[in-house]
Each structure stands twice: as C-alpha cells, then as structure tokens.
Amino acid sequence: GQTALSQRSSTWTVIKAIFQSEGPLGFFQGLTST
C-alpha cells in the first residue's frame, strides 16, 4: 500500500510520476549512496 501506481506501469509513467511529485531533483534520490 505504498504506491498508487499499477504493477505494470510503463517506464514513462514512472518517470512522469517522479517529475510530478518530486520535481527534477527527485531523479537524484540516492546519489550520495550511488
């Protein structure tokens, strides 16, 4: 119950969800760990 996305969401759907909820910097979550 931690996401509303479908289990078969496309790559573009996931990218769009990140951009809408977290903005451009959201794509760099975990950069320090990387």
Full PDB file with SEQRES, HELIX, SHEET, SSBOND, CRYST1, ORIGX, SCALE, CONECT and MASTER records, all heavy atoms in Angstrom:
SEQRES   1 A   34  GLY GLN THR ALA LEU SER GLN ARG SER SER THR TRP THR          
SEQRES   2 A   34  VAL ILE LYS ALA ILE PHE GLN SER GLU GLY PRO LEU GLY          
SEQRES   3 A   34  PHE PHE GLN GLY LEU THR SER THR                              
HELIX    1 AA1 THR A   11  GLU A   22  1                                  12    
HELIX    2 AA2 PRO A   24  PHE A   28  5                                   5    
CRYST1    1.000    1.000    1.000  90.00  90.00  90.00 P 1           1          
ORIGX1      1.000000  0.000000  0.000000        0.00000                         
ORIGX2      0.000000  1.000000  0.000000        0.00000                         
ORIGX3      0.000000  0.000000  1.000000        0.00000                         
SCALE1      1.000000  0.000000  0.000000        0.00000                         
SCALE2      0.000000  1.000000  0.000000        0.00000                         
SCALE3      0.000000  0.000000  1.000000        0.00000                         
ATOM      1  N   GLY A   1       0.783  -1.227   0.000  1.00  0.00           N  
ATOM      2  CA  GLY A   1       0.000   0.000   0.000  1.00  0.00           C  
ATOM      3  C   GLY A   1       0.817   1.279   0.000  1.00  0.00           C  
ATOM      4  O   GLY A   1       0.360   2.318   0.478  1.00  0.00           O  
ATOM      5  N   GLN A   2       2.007   1.238  -0.576  1.00  0.00           N  
ATOM      6  CA  GLN A   2       2.886   2.413  -0.555  1.00  0.00           C  
ATOM      7  C   GLN A   2       2.943   3.154  -1.887  1.00  0.00           C  
ATOM      8  O   GLN A   2       3.708   4.110  -2.024  1.00  0.00           O  
ATOM      9  CB  GLN A   2       4.297   1.989  -0.126  1.00  0.00           C  
ATOM     10  CG  GLN A   2       4.352   1.412   1.280  1.00  0.00           C  
ATOM     11  CD  GLN A   2       5.768   1.097   1.713  1.00  0.00           C  
ATOM     12  OE1 GLN A   2       6.569   1.998   1.984  1.00  0.00           O  
ATOM     13  NE2 GLN A   2       6.099  -0.180   1.791  1.00  0.00           N  
ATOM     14  N   THR A   3       2.168   2.700  -2.865  1.00  0.00           N  
ATOM     15  CA  THR A   3       2.103   3.413  -4.143  1.00  0.00           C  
ATOM     16  C   THR A   3       0.759   3.188  -4.801  1.00  0.00           C  
ATOM     17  O   THR A   3       0.122   2.138  -4.604  1.00  0.00           O  
ATOM     18  CB  THR A   3       3.223   2.947  -5.101  1.00  0.00           C  
ATOM     19  OG1 THR A   3       3.161   3.721  -6.303  1.00  0.00           O  
ATOM     20  CG2 THR A   3       3.082   1.477  -5.457  1.00  0.00           C  
ATOM     21  N   ALA A   4       0.318   4.192  -5.550  1.00  0.00           N  
ATOM     22  CA  ALA A   4      -0.941   4.071  -6.289  1.00  0.00           C  
ATOM     23  C   ALA A   4      -0.698   3.629  -7.722  1.00  0.00           C  
ATOM     24  O   ALA A   4      -1.644   3.368  -8.466  1.00  0.00           O  
ATOM     25  CB  ALA A   4      -1.667   5.415  -6.281  1.00  0.00           C  
ATOM     26  N   LEU A   5       0.567   3.523  -8.117  1.00  0.00           N  
ATOM     27  CA  LEU A   5       0.895   3.125  -9.481  1.00  0.00           C  
ATOM     28  C   LEU A   5       0.532   1.666  -9.731  1.00  0.00           C  
ATOM     29  O   LEU A   5       0.623   0.825  -8.831  1.00  0.00           O  
ATOM     30  CB  LEU A   5       2.389   3.315  -9.757  1.00  0.00           C  
ATOM     31  CG  LEU A   5       2.904   4.757  -9.855  1.00  0.00           C  
ATOM     32  CD1 LEU A   5       4.424   4.755  -9.984  1.00  0.00           C  
ATOM     33  CD2 LEU A   5       2.283   5.480 -11.040  1.00  0.00           C  
ATOM     34  N   SER A   6       0.144   1.364 -10.964  1.00  0.00           N  
ATOM     35  CA  SER A   6      -0.153  -0.013 -11.354  1.00  0.00           C  
ATOM     36  C   SER A   6       1.134  -0.833 -11.365  1.00  0.00           C  
ATOM     37  O   SER A   6       2.217  -0.310 -11.621  1.00  0.00           O  
ATOM     38  CB  SER A   6      -0.788  -0.029 -12.747  1.00  0.00           C  
ATOM     39  OG  SER A   6      -0.746  -1.313 -13.310  1.00  0.00           O  
ATOM     40  N   GLN A   7       0.995  -2.141 -11.102  1.00  0.00           N  
ATOM     41  CA  GLN A   7       2.151  -3.034 -11.110  1.00  0.00           C  
ATOM     42  C   GLN A   7       2.788  -3.125 -12.489  1.00  0.00           C  
ATOM     43  O   GLN A   7       3.952  -3.515 -12.619  1.00  0.00           O  
ATOM     44  CB  GLN A   7       1.744  -4.429 -10.630  1.00  0.00           C  
ATOM     45  CG  GLN A   7       1.317  -4.465  -9.168  1.00  0.00           C  
ATOM     46  CD  GLN A   7       0.834  -5.829  -8.736  1.00  0.00           C  
ATOM     47  OE1 GLN A   7       1.151  -6.831  -9.376  1.00  0.00           O  
ATOM     48  NE2 GLN A   7       0.069  -5.892  -7.663  1.00  0.00           N  
ATOM     49  N   ARG A   8       2.023  -2.812 -13.516  1.00  0.00           N  
ATOM     50  CA  ARG A   8       2.553  -2.879 -14.887  1.00  0.00           C  
ATOM     51  C   ARG A   8       2.716  -1.490 -15.500  1.00  0.00           C  
ATOM     52  O   ARG A   8       2.575  -1.319 -16.710  1.00  0.00           O  
ATOM     53  CB  ARG A   8       1.653  -3.751 -15.759  1.00  0.00           C  
ATOM     54  CG  ARG A   8       1.639  -5.208 -15.301  1.00  0.00           C  
ATOM     55  CD  ARG A   8       1.373  -6.150 -16.444  1.00  0.00           C  
ATOM     56  NE  ARG A   8       1.588  -7.541 -16.074  1.00  0.00           N  
ATOM     57  CZ  ARG A   8       1.722  -8.525 -16.939  1.00  0.00           C  
ATOM     58  NH1 ARG A   8       1.681  -8.275 -18.226  1.00  0.00           N  
ATOM     59  NH2 ARG A   8       1.911  -9.767 -16.533  1.00  0.00           N  
ATOM     60  N   SER A   9       3.026  -0.531 -14.663  1.00  0.00           N  
ATOM     61  CA  SER A   9       3.241   0.830 -15.142  1.00  0.00           C  
ATOM     62  C   SER A   9       4.440   0.861 -16.096  1.00  0.00           C  
ATOM     63  O   SER A   9       5.431   0.167 -15.888  1.00  0.00           O  
ATOM     64  CB  SER A   9       3.501   1.779 -13.971  1.00  0.00           C  
ATOM     65  OG  SER A   9       2.359   1.888 -13.152  1.00  0.00           O  
ATOM     66  N   SER A  10       4.320   1.672 -17.127  1.00  0.00           N  
ATOM     67  CA  SER A  10       5.395   1.790 -18.107  1.00  0.00           C  
ATOM     68  C   SER A  10       6.520   2.658 -17.568  1.00  0.00           C  
ATOM     69  O   SER A  10       6.375   3.342 -16.544  1.00  0.00           O  
ATOM     70  CB  SER A  10       4.863   2.409 -19.397  1.00  0.00           C  
ATOM     71  OG  SER A  10       4.481   3.762 -19.167  1.00  0.00           O  
ATOM     72  N   THR A  11       7.637   2.634 -18.271  1.00  0.00           N  
ATOM     73  CA  THR A  11       8.785   3.467 -17.887  1.00  0.00           C  
ATOM     74  C   THR A  11       8.390   4.936 -17.854  1.00  0.00           C  
ATOM     75  O   THR A  11       8.718   5.664 -16.915  1.00  0.00           O  
ATOM     76  CB  THR A  11       9.943   3.272 -18.890  1.00  0.00           C  
ATOM     77  OG1 THR A  11      10.295   1.885 -18.944  1.00  0.00           O  
ATOM     78  CG2 THR A  11      11.158   4.093 -18.486  1.00  0.00           C  
ATOM     79  N   TRP A  12       7.639   5.365 -18.877  1.00  0.00           N  
ATOM     80  CA  TRP A  12       7.239   6.763 -18.967  1.00  0.00           C  
ATOM     81  C   TRP A  12       6.306   7.155 -17.822  1.00  0.00           C  
ATOM     82  O   TRP A  12       6.395   8.262 -17.290  1.00  0.00           O  
ATOM     83  CB  TRP A  12       6.568   7.038 -20.311  1.00  0.00           C  
ATOM     84  CG  TRP A  12       6.030   8.443 -20.436  1.00  0.00           C  
ATOM     85  CD1 TRP A  12       4.755   8.826 -20.609  1.00  0.00           C  
ATOM     86  CD2 TRP A  12       6.794   9.664 -20.370  1.00  0.00           C  
ATOM     87  NE1 TRP A  12       4.657  10.199 -20.660  1.00  0.00           N  
ATOM     88  CE2 TRP A  12       5.899  10.730 -20.517  1.00  0.00           C  
ATOM     89  CE3 TRP A  12       8.153   9.931 -20.206  1.00  0.00           C  
ATOM     90  CZ2 TRP A  12       6.309  12.053 -20.503  1.00  0.00           C  
ATOM     91  CZ3 TRP A  12       8.560  11.260 -20.181  1.00  0.00           C  
ATOM     92  CH2 TRP A  12       7.647  12.301 -20.337  1.00  0.00           C  
ATOM     93  N   THR A  13       5.423   6.239 -17.403  1.00  0.00           N  
ATOM     94  CA  THR A  13       4.513   6.502 -16.288  1.00  0.00           C  
ATOM     95  C   THR A  13       5.283   6.746 -15.003  1.00  0.00           C  
ATOM     96  O   THR A  13       4.980   7.658 -14.231  1.00  0.00           O  
ATOM     97  CB  THR A  13       3.539   5.326 -16.092  1.00  0.00           C  
ATOM     98  OG1 THR A  13       2.785   5.135 -17.287  1.00  0.00           O  
ATOM     99  CG2 THR A  13       2.587   5.583 -14.926  1.00  0.00           C  
ATOM    100  N   VAL A  14       6.306   5.927 -14.763  1.00  0.00           N  
ATOM    101  CA  VAL A  14       7.123   6.078 -13.557  1.00  0.00           C  
ATOM    102  C   VAL A  14       7.916   7.377 -13.610  1.00  0.00           C  
ATOM    103  O   VAL A  14       8.001   8.109 -12.612  1.00  0.00           O  
ATOM    104  CB  VAL A  14       8.076   4.864 -13.391  1.00  0.00           C  
ATOM    105  CG1 VAL A  14       9.028   5.080 -12.221  1.00  0.00           C  
ATOM    106  CG2 VAL A  14       7.277   3.582 -13.197  1.00  0.00           C  
ATOM    107  N   ILE A  15       8.485   7.702 -14.775  1.00  0.00           N  
ATOM    108  CA  ILE A  15       9.237   8.950 -14.929  1.00  0.00           C  
ATOM    109  C   ILE A  15       8.331  10.159 -14.663  1.00  0.00           C  
ATOM    110  O   ILE A  15       8.708  11.101 -13.958  1.00  0.00           O  
ATOM    111  CB  ILE A  15       9.851   9.049 -16.347  1.00  0.00           C  
ATOM    112  CG1 ILE A  15      10.958   8.006 -16.517  1.00  0.00           C  
ATOM    113  CG2 ILE A  15      10.391  10.452 -16.611  1.00  0.00           C  
ATOM    114  CD1 ILE A  15      11.499   7.905 -17.933  1.00  0.00           C  
ATOM    115  N   LYS A  16       7.123  10.109 -15.242  1.00  0.00           N  
ATOM    116  CA  LYS A  16       6.171  11.213 -15.076  1.00  0.00           C  
ATOM    117  C   LYS A  16       5.766  11.380 -13.615  1.00  0.00           C  
ATOM    118  O   LYS A  16       5.654  12.507 -13.111  1.00  0.00           O  
ATOM    119  CB  LYS A  16       4.935  10.941 -15.948  1.00  0.00           C  
ATOM    120  CG  LYS A  16       4.101  12.172 -16.265  1.00  0.00           C  
ATOM    121  CD  LYS A  16       3.182  11.923 -17.452  1.00  0.00           C  
ATOM    122  CE  LYS A  16       2.328  10.674 -17.261  1.00  0.00           C  
ATOM    123  NZ  LYS A  16       1.296  10.555 -18.327  1.00  0.00           N  
ATOM    124  N   ALA A  17       5.580  10.259 -12.915  1.00  0.00           N  
ATOM    125  CA  ALA A  17       5.193  10.304 -11.504  1.00  0.00           C  
ATOM    126  C   ALA A  17       6.293  10.930 -10.648  1.00  0.00           C  
ATOM    127  O   ALA A  17       6.020  11.712  -9.729  1.00  0.00           O  
ATOM    128  CB  ALA A  17       4.879   8.892 -10.998  1.00  0.00           C  
ATOM    129  N   ILE A  18       7.544  10.605 -10.961  1.00  0.00           N  
ATOM    130  CA  ILE A  18       8.671  11.188 -10.226  1.00  0.00           C  
ATOM    131  C   ILE A  18       8.729  12.689 -10.454  1.00  0.00           C  
ATOM    132  O   ILE A  18       8.865  13.483  -9.515  1.00  0.00           O  
ATOM    133  CB  ILE A  18      10.003  10.532 -10.649  1.00  0.00           C  
ATOM    134  CG1 ILE A  18      10.025   9.056 -10.267  1.00  0.00           C  
ATOM    135  CG2 ILE A  18      11.193  11.266 -10.014  1.00  0.00           C  
ATOM    136  CD1 ILE A  18      11.192   8.283 -10.876  1.00  0.00           C  
ATOM    137  N   PHE A  19       8.603  13.090 -11.704  1.00  0.00           N  
ATOM    138  CA  PHE A  19       8.693  14.509 -12.051  1.00  0.00           C  
ATOM    139  C   PHE A  19       7.560  15.308 -11.409  1.00  0.00           C  
ATOM    140  O   PHE A  19       7.775  16.415 -10.896  1.00  0.00           O  
ATOM    141  CB  PHE A  19       8.658  14.678 -13.568  1.00  0.00           C  
ATOM    142  CG  PHE A  19       9.005  16.071 -14.026  1.00  0.00           C  
ATOM    143  CD1 PHE A  19      10.330  16.491 -14.107  1.00  0.00           C  
ATOM    144  CD2 PHE A  19       8.009  16.978 -14.350  1.00  0.00           C  
ATOM    145  CE1 PHE A  19      10.650  17.776 -14.524  1.00  0.00           C  
ATOM    146  CE2 PHE A  19       8.319  18.265 -14.770  1.00  0.00           C  
ATOM    147  CZ  PHE A  19       9.643  18.664 -14.851  1.00  0.00           C  
ATOM    148  N   GLN A  20       6.345  14.759 -11.409  1.00  0.00           N  
ATOM    149  CA  GLN A  20       5.183  15.470 -10.872  1.00  0.00           C  
ATOM    150  C   GLN A  20       5.226  15.579  -9.353  1.00  0.00           C  
ATOM    151  O   GLN A  20       4.831  16.602  -8.784  1.00  0.00           O  
ATOM    152  CB  GLN A  20       3.888  14.775 -11.310  1.00  0.00           C  
ATOM    153  CG  GLN A  20       3.596  14.921 -12.797  1.00  0.00           C  
ATOM    154  CD  GLN A  20       2.396  14.105 -13.253  1.00  0.00           C  
ATOM    155  OE1 GLN A  20       1.923  13.206 -12.538  1.00  0.00           O  
ATOM    156  NE2 GLN A  20       1.907  14.394 -14.444  1.00  0.00           N  
ATOM    157  N   SER A  21       5.693  14.528  -8.681  1.00  0.00           N  
ATOM    158  CA  SER A  21       5.664  14.524  -7.214  1.00  0.00           C  
ATOM    159  C   SER A  21       6.943  15.043  -6.561  1.00  0.00           C  
ATOM    160  O   SER A  21       6.900  15.571  -5.442  1.00  0.00           O  
ATOM    161  CB  SER A  21       5.377  13.115  -6.690  1.00  0.00           C  
ATOM    162  OG  SER A  21       6.412  12.216  -7.084  1.00  0.00           O  
ATOM    163  N   GLU A  22       8.072  14.920  -7.266  1.00  0.00           N  
ATOM    164  CA  GLU A  22       9.348  15.266  -6.640  1.00  0.00           C  
ATOM    165  C   GLU A  22      10.154  16.301  -7.407  1.00  0.00           C  
ATOM    166  O   GLU A  22      11.160  16.802  -6.901  1.00  0.00           O  
ATOM    167  CB  GLU A  22      10.190  13.997  -6.442  1.00  0.00           C  
ATOM    168  CG  GLU A  22       9.494  12.920  -5.613  1.00  0.00           C  
ATOM    169  CD  GLU A  22      10.185  11.569  -5.731  1.00  0.00           C  
ATOM    170  OE1 GLU A  22      11.378  11.488  -5.401  1.00  0.00           O  
ATOM    171  OE2 GLU A  22       9.531  10.603  -6.167  1.00  0.00           O  
ATOM    172  N   GLY A  23       9.745  16.588  -8.646  1.00  0.00           N  
ATOM    173  CA  GLY A  23      10.472  17.552  -9.445  1.00  0.00           C  
ATOM    174  C   GLY A  23      11.764  16.965 -10.015  1.00  0.00           C  
ATOM    175  O   GLY A  23      12.075  15.794  -9.782  1.00  0.00           O  
ATOM    176  N   PRO A  24      12.520  17.780 -10.746  1.00  0.00           N  
ATOM    177  CA  PRO A  24      13.757  17.281 -11.382  1.00  0.00           C  
ATOM    178  C   PRO A  24      14.759  16.688 -10.396  1.00  0.00           C  
ATOM    179  O   PRO A  24      15.423  15.702 -10.697  1.00  0.00           O  
ATOM    180  CB  PRO A  24      14.326  18.533 -12.065  1.00  0.00           C  
ATOM    181  CG  PRO A  24      13.148  19.420 -12.278  1.00  0.00           C  
ATOM    182  CD  PRO A  24      12.250  19.179 -11.108  1.00  0.00           C  
ATOM    183  N   LEU A  25      14.869  17.276  -9.206  1.00  0.00           N  
ATOM    184  CA  LEU A  25      15.832  16.771  -8.236  1.00  0.00           C  
ATOM    185  C   LEU A  25      15.439  15.398  -7.689  1.00  0.00           C  
ATOM    186  O   LEU A  25      16.289  14.690  -7.119  1.00  0.00           O  
ATOM    187  CB  LEU A  25      15.993  17.766  -7.073  1.00  0.00           C  
ATOM    188  CG  LEU A  25      16.680  19.094  -7.412  1.00  0.00           C  
ATOM    189  CD1 LEU A  25      16.759  19.988  -6.187  1.00  0.00           C  
ATOM    190  CD2 LEU A  25      18.083  18.852  -7.970  1.00  0.00           C  
ATOM    191  N   GLY A  26      14.168  15.041  -7.855  1.00  0.00           N  
ATOM    192  CA  GLY A  26      13.714  13.729  -7.387  1.00  0.00           C  
ATOM    193  C   GLY A  26      14.431  12.585  -8.079  1.00  0.00           C  
ATOM    194  O   GLY A  26      14.549  11.489  -7.516  1.00  0.00           O  
ATOM    195  N   PHE A  27      14.922  12.821  -9.299  1.00  0.00           N  
ATOM    196  CA  PHE A  27      15.631  11.774 -10.046  1.00  0.00           C  
ATOM    197  C   PHE A  27      17.013  11.478  -9.452  1.00  0.00           C  
ATOM    198  O   PHE A  27      17.641  10.490  -9.825  1.00  0.00           O  
ATOM    199  CB  PHE A  27      15.786  12.185 -11.513  1.00  0.00           C  
ATOM    200  CG  PHE A  27      14.497  12.169 -12.276  1.00  0.00           C  
ATOM    201  CD1 PHE A  27      13.763  13.338 -12.460  1.00  0.00           C  
ATOM    202  CD2 PHE A  27      13.995  10.979 -12.795  1.00  0.00           C  
ATOM    203  CE1 PHE A  27      12.564  13.320 -13.158  1.00  0.00           C  
ATOM    204  CE2 PHE A  27      12.806  10.955 -13.490  1.00  0.00           C  
ATOM    205  CZ  PHE A  27      12.075  12.125 -13.667  1.00  0.00           C  
ATOM    206  N   PHE A  28      17.460  12.331  -8.529  1.00  0.00           N  
ATOM    207  CA  PHE A  28      18.768  12.128  -7.923  1.00  0.00           C  
ATOM    208  C   PHE A  28      18.682  11.632  -6.482  1.00  0.00           C  
ATOM    209  O   PHE A  28      19.649  11.734  -5.725  1.00  0.00           O  
ATOM    210  CB  PHE A  28      19.598  13.411  -8.016  1.00  0.00           C  
ATOM    211  CG  PHE A  28      19.998  13.731  -9.433  1.00  0.00           C  
ATOM    212  CD1 PHE A  28      19.197  14.541 -10.231  1.00  0.00           C  
ATOM    213  CD2 PHE A  28      21.154  13.195  -9.978  1.00  0.00           C  
ATOM    214  CE1 PHE A  28      19.548  14.813 -11.554  1.00  0.00           C  
ATOM    215  CE2 PHE A  28      21.518  13.464 -11.287  1.00  0.00           C  
ATOM    216  CZ  PHE A  28      20.717  14.271 -12.075  1.00  0.00           C  
ATOM    217  N   GLN A  29      17.509  11.073  -6.123  1.00  0.00           N  
ATOM    218  CA  GLN A  29      17.402  10.403  -4.829  1.00  0.00           C  
ATOM    219  C   GLN A  29      18.409   9.252  -4.800  1.00  0.00           C  
ATOM    220  O   GLN A  29      18.427   8.417  -5.694  1.00  0.00           O  
ATOM    221  CB  GLN A  29      15.993   9.823  -4.659  1.00  0.00           C  
ATOM    222  CG  GLN A  29      14.938  10.849  -4.300  1.00  0.00           C  
ATOM    223  CD  GLN A  29      14.703  10.932  -2.789  1.00  0.00           C  
ATOM    224  OE1 GLN A  29      15.521  10.496  -2.000  1.00  0.00           O  
ATOM    225  NE2 GLN A  29      13.571  11.495  -2.416  1.00  0.00           N  
ATOM    226  N   GLY A  30      19.240   9.223  -3.776  1.00  0.00           N  
ATOM    227  CA  GLY A  30      20.222   8.142  -3.660  1.00  0.00           C  
ATOM    228  C   GLY A  30      21.547   8.425  -4.347  1.00  0.00           C  
ATOM    229  O   GLY A  30      22.374   7.513  -4.486  1.00  0.00           O  
ATOM    230  N   LEU A  31      21.783   9.672  -4.767  1.00  0.00           N  
ATOM    231  CA  LEU A  31      23.042   9.981  -5.460  1.00  0.00           C  
ATOM    232  C   LEU A  31      24.251   9.788  -4.544  1.00  0.00           C  
ATOM    233  O   LEU A  31      25.267   9.227  -4.964  1.00  0.00           O  
ATOM    234  CB  LEU A  31      23.022  11.417  -6.000  1.00  0.00           C  
ATOM    235  CG  LEU A  31      24.310  11.894  -6.704  1.00  0.00           C  
ATOM    236  CD1 LEU A  31      24.633  11.003  -7.897  1.00  0.00           C  
ATOM    237  CD2 LEU A  31      24.186  13.349  -7.138  1.00  0.00           C  
ATOM    238  N   THR A  32      24.134  10.241  -3.296  1.00  0.00           N  
ATOM    239  CA  THR A  32      25.247  10.055  -2.352  1.00  0.00           C  
ATOM    240  C   THR A  32      25.556   8.572  -2.169  1.00  0.00           C  
ATOM    241  O   THR A  32      26.721   8.154  -2.178  1.00  0.00           O  
ATOM    242  CB  THR A  32      24.909  10.691  -0.989  1.00  0.00           C  
ATOM    243  OG1 THR A  32      24.657  12.086  -1.159  1.00  0.00           O  
ATOM    244  CG2 THR A  32      26.060  10.514  -0.013  1.00  0.00           C  
ATOM    245  N   SER A  33      24.488   7.774  -2.023  1.00  0.00           N  
ATOM    246  CA  SER A  33      24.673   6.329  -1.873  1.00  0.00           C  
ATOM    247  C   SER A  33      25.303   5.722  -3.125  1.00  0.00           C  
ATOM    248  O   SER A  33      26.107   4.784  -3.041  1.00  0.00           O  
ATOM    249  CB  SER A  33      23.324   5.660  -1.598  1.00  0.00           C  
ATOM    250  OG  SER A  33      22.710   6.206  -0.464  1.00  0.00           O  
ATOM    251  N   THR A  34      24.915   6.256  -4.288  1.00  0.00           N  
ATOM    252  CA  THR A  34      25.488   5.769  -5.545  1.00  0.00           C  
ATOM    253  C   THR A  34      26.980   6.051  -5.591  1.00  0.00           C  
ATOM    254  O   THR A  34      27.786   5.184  -5.959  1.00  0.00           O  
ATOM    255  CB  THR A  34      24.787   6.430  -6.752  1.00  0.00           C  
ATOM    256  OG1 THR A  34      23.379   6.154  -6.683  1.00  0.00           O  
ATOM    257  CG2 THR A  34      25.332   5.888  -8.064  1.00  0.00           C  
TER     258      THR A  34                                                      
MASTER        0    0    0    2    0    0    0    6  257    1    0    3          
END                                                                             
